[in-house]
Amino acid sequence: MPVKAGETVEVTVTVLNSGNATGEKEVWFHLDQYYKDDAQLELAPGESETVTLTYVSKSENAKDWTLRVDTPDDRHEETVTIEKPAQHSTTRSSGGGSDGHPHFDIVDMTVEEPITAGDPLRMSATVENTGRDLGEKLVWFTVDGETVNETIIELPEGHSTTVTAEYNTSIEAAGEHLVTANTSDDVVRRSIEFNEPVRAFEVKTVDTSESIIAGEQLTVTATVENVGDIPATVPVRMTIDGHFIDEERVDVAPNESATVELQYRTNTWTTGEIDVTVGAENASVSRLVTVVEPTPTETTERLTEPESTAEPVDTATTATVTPASQSSWSGPNPGLSMLVVMLFVGALAITRWG
């Protein structure tokens, strides 16, 4: 008899000890080469025991399988078909479990919205056994036809339970997607929009001095927060009066912040108020800083210092010159006498030749 994907494959086997001694051996259940279940039996000679081995099939198991039961001494094989589950367009199958078997209907499905691409997709489905017997079946969720979660549940007749699942979406998955909740008896479909992730930052604080002496270094500390949907590396830039000065790049996860330190060496010839702006992409915060002239204390002290005293003169080796205006008469000057003689001789010559 075919089994629907999501239902339990059961194999009941009777094992006989045909030997002459009591022994303990295993019985194994496989679908093709894949091990599914086993049992340990201890039998006396001529004794037999019946065991049931099970496997809850998965959504991707729909095909023909070779069902194999083995002991170390014997093997039995047959073919079993696992069919795709019936696909209903409503949240609940109208047939119910009137055939006396368990029947798992999805009576409610929810998806947390809005969803941003890159965030987890959280889903839940409430499943009720509307059949006439206790049952164990698979509940699974798909996104665009791909199975993203599977859970085995067991429900008595008339009971229900809620199954939850979480699926990590990718940043590139913005757009419309088909999400389904499934059992072997029912399926519910939802069309869900994954919103485009937003990249956004805020400059939360900018701390610096209110004033600084011209020529000194200005330090600016800024805190940037990622208020967007995706982790990113953001350049934090500082400008002075609109001119780029410094930049630091930081990695910031969503709802996290990072602090950077930026530097600016002021000019000795520029004083007054300057506009210090720190920006992270489209967000920025400005502060006004006053650059003041240096205090002239040191310059004044240099100008008022006394001049250094000249080195002393060695009077033993240096002659002292006394100005003529301060000299006293000490007898005839030979140089002056010679001049007078020459003038007298010149006068006689002029008289004679004149």
Protein backbone atom coordinates (compact mmCIF):
# COMPACT_ATOMS: atom_id res chain seq x y z
CA MET A 1 0.00 0.00 0.00
CA PRO A 2 1.49 3.44 -0.89
CA VAL A 3 2.51 5.81 1.88
CA LYS A 4 2.23 9.60 1.62
CA ALA A 5 5.35 11.64 2.26
CA GLY A 6 5.19 12.76 5.86
CA GLU A 7 3.53 9.57 7.05
CA THR A 8 5.14 6.67 8.89
CA VAL A 9 6.48 3.72 6.96
CA GLU A 10 5.89 0.64 9.10
CA VAL A 11 7.25 -2.84 8.53
CA THR A 12 6.13 -5.74 10.72
CA VAL A 13 8.37 -8.80 10.64
CA THR A 14 8.30 -12.16 12.42
CA VAL A 15 11.69 -13.65 13.23
CA LEU A 16 12.15 -17.37 13.99
CA ASN A 17 15.18 -18.98 15.64
CA SER A 18 15.65 -22.04 13.45
CA GLY A 19 18.90 -23.00 15.12
CA ASN A 20 19.67 -25.38 17.97
CA ALA A 21 20.79 -22.81 20.61
CA THR A 22 19.43 -19.74 22.30
CA GLY A 23 20.86 -16.58 20.76
CA GLU A 24 20.61 -12.79 20.63
CA LYS A 25 20.66 -11.05 17.26
CA GLU A 26 19.62 -7.80 15.61
CA VAL A 27 16.99 -7.07 12.97
CA TRP A 28 17.64 -4.09 10.66
CA PHE A 29 15.27 -2.00 8.52
CA HIS A 30 16.60 -0.17 5.41
CA LEU A 31 15.11 1.86 2.57
CA ASP A 32 17.53 1.22 -0.29
CA GLN A 33 20.95 1.55 1.35
CA TYR A 34 19.75 3.93 4.08
CA TYR A 35 19.40 2.55 7.61
CA LYS A 36 16.12 3.52 9.33
CA ASP A 37 15.44 1.35 12.41
CA ASP A 38 16.48 -1.82 14.27
CA ALA A 39 15.48 -4.18 17.07
CA GLN A 40 17.39 -6.56 19.35
CA LEU A 41 15.88 -10.05 19.79
CA GLU A 42 16.79 -12.98 22.05
CA LEU A 43 15.17 -16.27 21.02
CA ALA A 44 15.34 -19.87 22.15
CA PRO A 45 15.51 -22.67 19.56
CA GLY A 46 12.20 -22.83 17.68
CA GLU A 47 10.98 -19.56 19.28
CA SER A 48 9.73 -16.63 17.18
CA GLU A 49 8.89 -12.99 17.85
CA THR A 50 7.10 -10.28 15.85
CA VAL A 51 8.47 -6.72 15.85
CA THR A 52 7.44 -3.50 14.11
CA LEU A 53 10.08 -1.18 12.68
CA THR A 54 9.20 2.38 11.62
CA TYR A 55 10.40 5.46 9.75
CA VAL A 56 8.58 8.80 9.41
CA SER A 57 9.09 9.74 5.77
CA LYS A 58 10.27 13.16 4.70
CA SER A 59 8.89 15.57 2.12
CA GLU A 60 11.63 14.73 -0.37
CA ASN A 61 11.16 10.93 -0.08
CA ALA A 62 8.42 10.69 -2.72
CA LYS A 63 9.50 7.82 -5.01
CA ASP A 64 9.73 4.01 -5.13
CA TRP A 65 12.03 2.41 -2.54
CA THR A 66 13.40 -1.04 -1.91
CA LEU A 67 12.33 -1.91 1.62
CA ARG A 68 14.77 -4.38 3.17
CA VAL A 69 14.71 -6.27 6.49
CA ASP A 70 17.88 -8.11 7.53
CA THR A 71 19.16 -10.38 10.23
CA PRO A 72 22.74 -11.71 10.21
CA ASP A 73 21.34 -14.92 8.67
CA ASP A 74 18.47 -13.86 6.39
CA ARG A 75 16.99 -11.04 4.31
CA HIS A 76 13.56 -10.03 3.02
CA GLU A 77 12.94 -7.33 0.34
CA GLU A 78 9.92 -5.67 -1.25
CA THR A 79 9.08 -2.40 -2.99
CA VAL A 80 7.31 0.44 -1.18
CA THR A 81 6.04 3.65 -2.81
CA ILE A 82 6.13 6.99 -1.00
CA GLU A 83 3.80 9.40 -2.74
CA LYS A 84 3.73 13.16 -2.77
CA PRO A 85 1.13 14.49 -0.35
CA ALA A 86 -2.17 15.82 -1.64
CA GLN A 87 -2.00 19.56 -2.28
CA HIS A 88 -5.06 21.45 -1.02
CA SER A 89 -5.76 25.09 -1.70
CA THR A 90 -7.63 25.71 1.57
CA THR A 91 -6.34 25.77 5.11
CA ARG A 92 -8.20 22.60 5.96
CA SER A 93 -9.00 19.45 4.00
CA SER A 94 -12.70 18.82 3.61
CA GLY A 95 -12.38 15.07 3.78
CA GLY A 96 -11.27 14.76 7.39
CA GLY A 97 -10.44 11.36 8.77
CA SER A 98 -13.67 9.51 7.98
CA ASP A 99 -11.77 6.40 6.87
CA GLY A 100 -10.77 5.62 10.45
CA HIS A 101 -7.14 6.65 10.05
CA PRO A 102 -5.41 9.67 11.57
CA HIS A 103 -5.76 12.77 9.44
CA PHE A 104 -3.58 15.85 10.14
CA ASP A 105 -5.16 19.14 9.03
CA ILE A 106 -3.48 22.54 9.24
CA VAL A 107 -6.10 24.69 10.92
CA ASP A 108 -3.97 27.86 11.17
CA MET A 109 -0.72 29.26 9.80
CA THR A 110 1.03 32.48 10.80
CA VAL A 111 4.11 34.29 9.51
CA GLU A 112 5.68 37.17 11.41
CA GLU A 113 5.54 40.29 9.25
CA PRO A 114 6.98 42.60 8.10
CA ILE A 115 10.08 40.69 6.99
CA THR A 116 13.28 42.32 5.81
CA ALA A 117 15.52 40.32 3.49
CA GLY A 118 18.42 39.07 5.60
CA ASP A 119 16.31 38.68 8.77
CA PRO A 120 14.93 35.34 10.08
CA LEU A 121 11.56 34.24 8.71
CA ARG A 122 9.48 32.92 11.64
CA MET A 123 6.52 30.66 10.87
CA SER A 124 4.05 28.54 12.83
CA ALA A 125 1.32 26.06 11.95
CA THR A 126 -1.41 24.65 14.17
CA VAL A 127 -2.08 21.02 13.25
CA GLU A 128 -5.17 19.04 14.33
CA ASN A 129 -5.79 15.31 14.07
CA THR A 130 -9.30 15.22 12.59
CA GLY A 131 -9.11 11.46 12.00
CA ARG A 132 -10.32 8.49 14.03
CA ASP A 133 -7.05 7.19 15.49
CA LEU A 134 -3.78 8.16 17.13
CA GLY A 135 -1.22 9.13 14.51
CA GLU A 136 2.39 10.21 13.97
CA LYS A 137 3.17 12.35 10.95
CA LEU A 138 5.57 14.91 9.57
CA VAL A 139 4.94 18.65 9.46
CA TRP A 140 7.21 20.69 7.18
CA PHE A 141 7.58 24.20 5.83
CA THR A 142 8.80 25.29 2.41
CA VAL A 143 9.98 28.57 0.89
CA ASP A 144 9.61 28.74 -2.88
CA GLY A 145 9.26 24.95 -2.98
CA GLU A 146 12.40 24.22 -0.92
CA THR A 147 11.90 22.39 2.37
CA VAL A 148 13.38 24.52 5.17
CA ASN A 149 12.16 22.69 8.30
CA GLU A 150 10.67 19.30 9.24
CA THR A 151 9.11 18.16 12.52
CA ILE A 152 7.58 14.81 13.48
CA ILE A 153 4.49 15.10 15.70
CA GLU A 154 2.16 12.55 17.30
CA LEU A 155 -1.48 13.43 17.94
CA PRO A 156 -4.42 11.51 19.41
CA GLU A 157 -7.76 11.82 17.72
CA GLY A 158 -9.24 15.33 18.09
CA HIS A 159 -6.04 16.86 19.50
CA SER A 160 -3.96 19.69 18.04
CA THR A 161 -0.52 21.23 18.47
CA THR A 162 1.44 24.17 17.09
CA VAL A 163 4.69 23.69 15.24
CA THR A 164 7.13 26.60 14.82
CA ALA A 165 10.04 27.08 12.44
CA GLU A 166 12.66 29.70 11.65
CA TYR A 167 14.42 30.21 8.33
CA ASN A 168 17.35 32.57 7.71
CA THR A 169 16.67 34.65 4.63
CA SER A 170 19.43 36.24 2.56
CA ILE A 171 20.02 39.96 1.96
CA GLU A 172 19.64 39.35 -1.79
CA ALA A 173 16.18 37.76 -1.39
CA ALA A 174 14.08 40.94 -1.45
CA GLY A 175 10.79 40.38 -3.27
CA GLU A 176 7.73 38.11 -3.18
CA HIS A 177 8.04 34.49 -2.02
CA LEU A 178 5.70 31.52 -1.58
CA VAL A 179 5.71 30.00 1.92
CA THR A 180 3.83 26.78 2.74
CA ALA A 181 3.04 24.66 5.81
CA ASN A 182 2.50 20.98 5.00
CA THR A 183 1.38 17.61 6.32
CA SER A 184 0.77 14.50 4.25
CA ASP A 185 -2.93 15.43 4.34
CA ASP A 186 -2.98 19.21 3.99
CA VAL A 187 -1.07 22.30 2.86
CA VAL A 188 -1.50 26.04 3.46
CA ARG A 189 0.12 28.61 1.18
CA ARG A 190 1.05 32.21 1.90
CA SER A 191 2.57 34.82 -0.40
CA ILE A 192 5.08 36.85 1.63
CA GLU A 193 6.99 40.00 0.68
CA PHE A 194 10.62 40.28 1.82
CA ASN A 195 11.37 43.99 2.09
CA GLU A 196 14.56 45.52 0.72
CA PRO A 197 17.08 45.94 3.58
CA VAL A 198 17.88 49.53 4.55
CA ARG A 199 21.44 50.81 5.09
CA ALA A 200 21.41 53.73 7.53
CA PHE A 201 23.61 55.28 10.22
CA GLU A 202 23.30 57.99 12.86
CA VAL A 203 26.04 60.09 14.46
CA LYS A 204 25.00 59.86 18.11
CA THR A 205 27.68 61.98 19.82
CA VAL A 206 30.52 64.35 18.87
CA ASP A 207 32.84 65.43 21.70
CA THR A 208 35.66 67.98 21.39
CA SER A 209 37.07 71.13 23.01
CA GLU A 210 35.07 74.37 22.86
CA SER A 211 38.27 76.34 22.27
CA ILE A 212 41.85 75.62 21.31
CA ILE A 213 45.09 77.64 20.91
CA ALA A 214 46.12 78.16 17.29
CA GLY A 215 48.81 75.68 16.29
CA GLU A 216 47.67 72.94 18.68
CA GLN A 217 46.05 69.61 17.72
CA LEU A 218 42.27 69.27 17.98
CA THR A 219 40.92 65.79 18.94
CA VAL A 220 37.32 64.88 18.06
CA THR A 221 35.62 61.74 19.43
CA ALA A 222 32.46 60.54 17.66
CA THR A 223 30.02 57.65 18.21
CA VAL A 224 28.21 56.19 15.19
CA GLU A 225 25.23 53.78 15.40
CA ASN A 226 23.97 51.41 12.70
CA VAL A 227 20.20 52.03 12.58
CA GLY A 228 19.77 50.05 9.36
CA ASP A 229 19.03 46.40 8.63
CA ILE A 230 22.41 45.08 7.51
CA PRO A 231 25.94 44.98 8.94
CA ALA A 232 28.26 47.32 7.08
CA THR A 233 31.57 49.14 7.04
CA VAL A 234 31.02 52.89 7.23
CA PRO A 235 33.55 55.69 6.69
CA VAL A 236 33.34 58.31 9.45
CA ARG A 237 34.64 61.62 8.04
CA MET A 238 35.55 64.96 9.63
CA THR A 239 35.47 68.27 7.78
CA ILE A 240 36.53 71.73 8.93
CA ASP A 241 34.50 74.55 7.35
CA GLY A 242 33.53 72.11 4.59
CA HIS A 243 37.06 70.88 3.85
CA PHE A 244 37.92 67.20 4.34
CA ILE A 245 40.40 66.66 7.18
CA ASP A 246 40.36 63.06 8.52
CA GLU A 247 38.54 59.69 8.16
CA GLU A 248 38.21 56.39 10.04
CA ARG A 249 36.37 53.28 8.73
CA VAL A 250 34.51 51.06 11.22
CA ASP A 251 32.46 47.83 11.03
CA VAL A 252 29.07 48.19 12.71
CA ALA A 253 26.32 45.55 13.05
CA PRO A 254 22.62 46.55 13.11
CA ASN A 255 21.62 48.21 16.39
CA GLU A 256 25.27 48.42 17.43
CA SER A 257 27.57 51.45 17.69
CA ALA A 258 31.28 52.23 17.32
CA THR A 259 33.47 55.10 18.51
CA VAL A 260 36.22 56.75 16.45
CA GLU A 261 38.84 59.43 17.15
CA LEU A 262 39.68 62.07 14.53
CA GLN A 263 42.51 64.62 14.53
CA TYR A 264 43.12 68.16 13.16
CA ARG A 265 46.26 70.30 13.55
CA THR A 266 45.11 73.94 13.70
CA ASN A 267 46.98 76.75 11.88
CA THR A 268 48.90 79.40 13.77
CA TRP A 269 47.68 82.08 11.33
CA THR A 270 43.97 81.17 11.47
CA THR A 271 41.88 82.19 14.49
CA GLY A 272 38.19 82.56 15.22
CA GLU A 273 35.30 80.08 15.04
CA ILE A 274 35.59 76.94 12.89
CA ASP A 275 32.81 74.50 11.96
CA VAL A 276 33.79 70.94 12.89
CA THR A 277 31.45 68.39 11.21
CA VAL A 278 31.51 64.59 11.63
CA GLY A 279 29.51 62.57 9.09
CA ALA A 280 28.60 58.93 8.45
CA GLU A 281 27.07 58.61 4.99
CA ASN A 282 23.94 60.83 5.07
CA ALA A 283 24.05 61.63 8.80
CA SER A 284 26.20 64.36 10.36
CA VAL A 285 26.65 66.44 13.52
CA SER A 286 28.49 69.80 13.75
CA ARG A 287 30.26 71.59 16.58
CA LEU A 288 31.68 75.15 16.71
CA VAL A 289 35.23 75.44 18.07
CA THR A 290 37.00 78.74 18.78
CA VAL A 291 40.65 78.96 17.75
CA VAL A 292 42.41 81.64 19.84
CA GLU A 293 45.76 83.37 19.38
CA PRO A 294 48.67 82.11 21.48
CA THR A 295 49.34 84.00 24.74
CA PRO A 296 52.29 86.46 24.11
CA THR A 297 53.94 85.81 27.50
CA GLU A 298 57.00 84.03 26.19
CA THR A 299 57.64 86.61 23.44
CA THR A 300 57.46 89.48 25.93
CA GLU A 301 59.91 87.80 28.27
CA ARG A 302 62.47 87.41 25.49
CA LEU A 303 62.23 91.05 24.48
CA THR A 304 62.69 92.39 28.05
CA GLU A 305 65.73 90.31 28.97
CA PRO A 306 68.96 92.46 29.60
CA GLU A 307 71.68 92.29 26.95
CA SER A 308 74.61 90.16 27.84
CA THR A 309 77.79 92.04 29.18
CA ALA A 310 80.75 92.26 26.77
CA GLU A 311 83.80 90.25 27.60
CA PRO A 312 86.28 92.19 29.90
CA VAL A 313 89.24 93.89 28.22
CA ASP A 314 92.70 92.68 29.14
CA THR A 315 94.37 95.97 30.31
CA ALA A 316 97.76 94.36 30.44
CA THR A 317 97.92 93.81 26.70
CA THR A 318 95.66 96.55 25.28
CA ALA A 319 96.72 100.20 24.95
CA THR A 320 94.34 102.89 26.09
CA VAL A 321 93.65 105.66 23.58
CA THR A 322 92.85 109.03 25.06
CA PRO A 323 90.86 111.39 22.82
CA ALA A 324 92.79 114.56 21.77
CA SER A 325 90.14 116.83 23.16
CA GLN A 326 90.80 115.44 26.60
CA SER A 327 94.69 115.60 26.43
CA SER A 328 96.77 118.19 28.35
CA TRP A 329 99.90 120.12 27.05
CA SER A 330 103.08 118.17 27.59
CA GLY A 331 105.58 120.09 25.51
CA PRO A 332 106.08 120.76 21.79
CA ASN A 333 104.69 118.24 19.40
CA PRO A 334 107.33 117.18 16.84
CA GLY A 335 104.74 116.57 14.17
CA LEU A 336 103.26 120.03 14.64
CA SER A 337 106.72 121.69 14.51
CA MET A 338 107.49 120.01 11.23
CA LEU A 339 104.23 121.26 9.77
CA VAL A 340 105.02 124.82 10.80
CA VAL A 341 108.50 124.61 9.27
CA MET A 342 107.13 123.32 6.02
CA LEU A 343 104.57 126.09 5.86
CA PHE A 344 107.27 128.71 6.50
CA VAL A 345 109.54 127.31 3.83
CA GLY A 346 106.64 127.29 1.38
CA ALA A 347 105.88 130.91 2.14
CA LEU A 348 109.48 131.95 1.50
CA ALA A 349 109.51 130.15 -1.79
CA ILE A 350 106.41 131.90 -2.94
CA THR A 351 107.82 135.27 -1.91
CA ARG A 352 111.13 134.61 -3.62
CA TRP A 353 109.74 133.37 -6.90
CA GLY A 354 106.94 135.76 -6.87
